Amino acid sequence: MIVTMTLRMKKIPVILVVCMLLFSSLDVQAQQNNAGRAQPAECCFKLCHVRLPKEGLVKFQRTHTFCAHNAVVFSMKNKMKFCVDPTQTWVQEAMDYAEKHTTTAPKQ
């Protein structure tokens, strides 16, 4: 009985080491998957609710799906960028205008 108990006690550290190795390999694999994934270039945390002049719009870009908020980034002639709500009618009209009147607007 003492022999089987010591054998069991010797197995516990081995099991712990194996579990630690398995968990660490899963962690490494998860980090590699995240490293290979394209990270969002730009995310918006606050939206501009002021209507911007569509004539000042140089280009626009939708935020990535990894971002917390669905938004569009407007780049203006004065080099300023604004995050706007893509569900707003004026934003959709400005994007349509930019697609028709500029060559740098991305086709999405």
C-alpha atoms as a PDB file:
ATOM      1  CA  MET A   1       0.000   0.000   0.000  1.00  0.00           C
ATOM      2  CA  ILE A   2       2.858   2.364   0.792  1.00  0.00           C
ATOM      3  CA  VAL A   3       4.526   1.472  -2.509  1.00  0.00           C
ATOM      4  CA  THR A   4       1.437   2.332  -4.577  1.00  0.00           C
ATOM      5  CA  MET A   5       0.996   5.567  -2.655  1.00  0.00           C
ATOM      6  CA  THR A   6       4.563   6.680  -3.377  1.00  0.00           C
ATOM      7  CA  LEU A   7       4.127   5.748  -7.038  1.00  0.00           C
ATOM      8  CA  ARG A   8       0.992   7.893  -7.189  1.00  0.00           C
ATOM      9  CA  MET A   9       2.799  10.759  -5.499  1.00  0.00           C
ATOM     10  CA  LYS A  10       5.613  10.475  -8.032  1.00  0.00           C
ATOM     11  CA  LYS A  11       3.096  10.635 -10.879  1.00  0.00           C
ATOM     12  CA  ILE A  12       1.574  13.910  -9.663  1.00  0.00           C
ATOM     13  CA  PRO A  13       4.604  16.088 -10.532  1.00  0.00           C
ATOM     14  CA  VAL A  14       4.872  14.371 -13.919  1.00  0.00           C
ATOM     15  CA  ILE A  15       1.203  15.062 -14.636  1.00  0.00           C
ATOM     16  CA  LEU A  16       1.635  18.692 -13.558  1.00  0.00           C
ATOM     17  CA  VAL A  17       4.624  19.129 -15.856  1.00  0.00           C
ATOM     18  CA  VAL A  18       2.747  17.597 -18.787  1.00  0.00           C
ATOM     19  CA  CYS A  19      -0.244  19.887 -18.151  1.00  0.00           C
ATOM     20  CA  MET A  20       2.023  22.935 -17.971  1.00  0.00           C
ATOM     21  CA  LEU A  21       3.653  21.987 -21.264  1.00  0.00           C
ATOM     22  CA  LEU A  22       0.278  21.506 -22.941  1.00  0.00           C
ATOM     23  CA  PHE A  23      -1.038  24.851 -21.705  1.00  0.00           C
ATOM     24  CA  SER A  24       2.124  26.690 -22.700  1.00  0.00           C
ATOM     25  CA  SER A  25       2.018  25.193 -26.202  1.00  0.00           C
ATOM     26  CA  LEU A  26      -1.603  26.328 -26.555  1.00  0.00           C
ATOM     27  CA  ASP A  27      -0.596  29.822 -25.469  1.00  0.00           C
ATOM     28  CA  VAL A  28       2.232  29.947 -28.018  1.00  0.00           C
ATOM     29  CA  GLN A  29      -0.106  28.748 -30.741  1.00  0.00           C
ATOM     30  CA  ALA A  30      -2.708  31.394 -29.845  1.00  0.00           C
ATOM     31  CA  GLN A  31      -0.050  34.122 -29.929  1.00  0.00           C
ATOM     32  CA  GLN A  32       1.113  32.971 -33.361  1.00  0.00           C
ATOM     33  CA  ASN A  33      -2.461  33.057 -34.662  1.00  0.00           C
ATOM     34  CA  ASN A  34      -2.927  36.606 -33.368  1.00  0.00           C
ATOM     35  CA  ALA A  35       0.402  37.715 -34.840  1.00  0.00           C
ATOM     36  CA  GLY A  36      -0.617  36.467 -38.275  1.00  0.00           C
ATOM     37  CA  ARG A  37      -3.958  38.212 -38.153  1.00  0.00           C
ATOM     38  CA  ALA A  38      -4.182  41.676 -39.653  1.00  0.00           C
ATOM     39  CA  GLN A  39      -4.565  44.228 -36.904  1.00  0.00           C
ATOM     40  CA  PRO A  40      -6.838  47.190 -37.463  1.00  0.00           C
ATOM     41  CA  ALA A  41      -4.967  50.194 -38.784  1.00  0.00           C
ATOM     42  CA  GLU A  42      -7.369  52.673 -37.265  1.00  0.00           C
ATOM     43  CA  CYS A  43     -10.249  52.361 -34.807  1.00  0.00           C
ATOM     44  CA  CYS A  44     -12.669  55.045 -33.670  1.00  0.00           C
ATOM     45  CA  PHE A  45     -13.666  55.615 -30.063  1.00  0.00           C
ATOM     46  CA  LYS A  46     -15.709  58.799 -30.479  1.00  0.00           C
ATOM     47  CA  LEU A  47     -17.790  59.834 -33.469  1.00  0.00           C
ATOM     48  CA  CYS A  48     -18.099  63.309 -34.935  1.00  0.00           C
ATOM     49  CA  HIS A  49     -21.763  64.286 -35.150  1.00  0.00           C
ATOM     50  CA  VAL A  50     -21.177  67.558 -37.010  1.00  0.00           C
ATOM     51  CA  ARG A  51     -21.989  67.414 -40.712  1.00  0.00           C
ATOM     52  CA  LEU A  52     -18.722  67.823 -42.608  1.00  0.00           C
ATOM     53  CA  PRO A  53     -18.588  69.449 -46.057  1.00  0.00           C
ATOM     54  CA  LYS A  54     -18.377  66.717 -48.652  1.00  0.00           C
ATOM     55  CA  GLU A  55     -16.295  69.005 -50.890  1.00  0.00           C
ATOM     56  CA  GLY A  56     -13.523  68.905 -48.266  1.00  0.00           C
ATOM     57  CA  LEU A  57     -13.431  65.099 -48.228  1.00  0.00           C
ATOM     58  CA  VAL A  58     -10.277  63.661 -49.779  1.00  0.00           C
ATOM     59  CA  LYS A  59     -10.818  60.002 -48.961  1.00  0.00           C
ATOM     60  CA  PHE A  60     -12.602  57.719 -46.546  1.00  0.00           C
ATOM     61  CA  GLN A  61     -11.940  54.353 -44.991  1.00  0.00           C
ATOM     62  CA  ARG A  62     -14.173  52.005 -43.053  1.00  0.00           C
ATOM     63  CA  THR A  63     -12.816  50.803 -39.741  1.00  0.00           C
ATOM     64  CA  HIS A  64     -11.892  47.153 -39.450  1.00  0.00           C
ATOM     65  CA  THR A  65     -14.342  44.607 -38.065  1.00  0.00           C
ATOM     66  CA  PHE A  66     -11.935  44.030 -35.136  1.00  0.00           C
ATOM     67  CA  CYS A  67     -12.700  47.566 -33.940  1.00  0.00           C
ATOM     68  CA  ALA A  68     -15.303  48.018 -31.233  1.00  0.00           C
ATOM     69  CA  HIS A  69     -17.330  50.582 -33.207  1.00  0.00           C
ATOM     70  CA  ASN A  70     -18.522  50.472 -36.791  1.00  0.00           C
ATOM     71  CA  ALA A  71     -17.303  53.769 -38.219  1.00  0.00           C
ATOM     72  CA  VAL A  72     -15.888  55.525 -41.255  1.00  0.00           C
ATOM     73  CA  VAL A  73     -12.769  57.692 -41.100  1.00  0.00           C
ATOM     74  CA  PHE A  74     -13.019  60.801 -43.273  1.00  0.00           C
ATOM     75  CA  SER A  75      -9.696  62.345 -44.338  1.00  0.00           C
ATOM     76  CA  MET A  76     -10.190  65.992 -45.189  1.00  0.00           C
ATOM     77  CA  LYS A  77      -8.241  68.430 -47.408  1.00  0.00           C
ATOM     78  CA  ASN A  78      -6.881  70.197 -44.300  1.00  0.00           C
ATOM     79  CA  LYS A  79      -5.225  66.865 -43.258  1.00  0.00           C
ATOM     80  CA  MET A  80      -7.665  66.338 -40.371  1.00  0.00           C
ATOM     81  CA  LYS A  81      -9.389  63.011 -39.828  1.00  0.00           C
ATOM     82  CA  PHE A  82     -12.863  62.520 -38.418  1.00  0.00           C
ATOM     83  CA  CYS A  83     -14.673  59.385 -37.321  1.00  0.00           C
ATOM     84  CA  VAL A  84     -18.271  59.410 -38.476  1.00  0.00           C
ATOM     85  CA  ASP A  85     -21.295  57.143 -38.216  1.00  0.00           C
ATOM     86  CA  PRO A  86     -21.807  55.218 -41.485  1.00  0.00           C
ATOM     87  CA  THR A  87     -25.527  54.837 -40.802  1.00  0.00           C
ATOM     88  CA  GLN A  88     -26.089  58.611 -41.064  1.00  0.00           C
ATOM     89  CA  THR A  89     -27.574  59.715 -44.390  1.00  0.00           C
ATOM     90  CA  TRP A  90     -25.142  62.632 -44.810  1.00  0.00           C
ATOM     91  CA  VAL A  91     -22.190  60.258 -44.321  1.00  0.00           C
ATOM     92  CA  GLN A  92     -23.467  57.916 -47.022  1.00  0.00           C
ATOM     93  CA  GLU A  93     -24.029  60.877 -49.358  1.00  0.00           C
ATOM     94  CA  ALA A  94     -20.494  62.148 -48.687  1.00  0.00           C
ATOM     95  CA  MET A  95     -19.023  58.698 -49.414  1.00  0.00           C
ATOM     96  CA  ASP A  96     -20.992  58.527 -52.693  1.00  0.00           C
ATOM     97  CA  TYR A  97     -19.746  62.016 -53.574  1.00  0.00           C
ATOM     98  CA  ALA A  98     -16.134  61.054 -52.809  1.00  0.00           C
ATOM     99  CA  GLU A  99     -16.363  57.913 -54.934  1.00  0.00           C
ATOM    100  CA  LYS A 100     -17.611  59.943 -57.895  1.00  0.00           C
ATOM    101  CA  HIS A 101     -15.360  63.015 -57.531  1.00  0.00           C
ATOM    102  CA  THR A 102     -12.013  61.696 -56.267  1.00  0.00           C
ATOM    103  CA  THR A 103      -9.704  59.010 -57.505  1.00  0.00           C
ATOM    104  CA  THR A 104      -8.398  58.081 -54.039  1.00  0.00           C
ATOM    105  CA  ALA A 105     -11.680  56.933 -52.463  1.00  0.00           C
ATOM    106  CA  PRO A 106     -11.592  53.166 -51.872  1.00  0.00           C
ATOM    107  CA  LYS A 107     -14.202  51.081 -53.632  1.00  0.00           C
ATOM    108  CA  GLN A 108     -15.966  48.933 -51.037  1.00  0.00           C
END
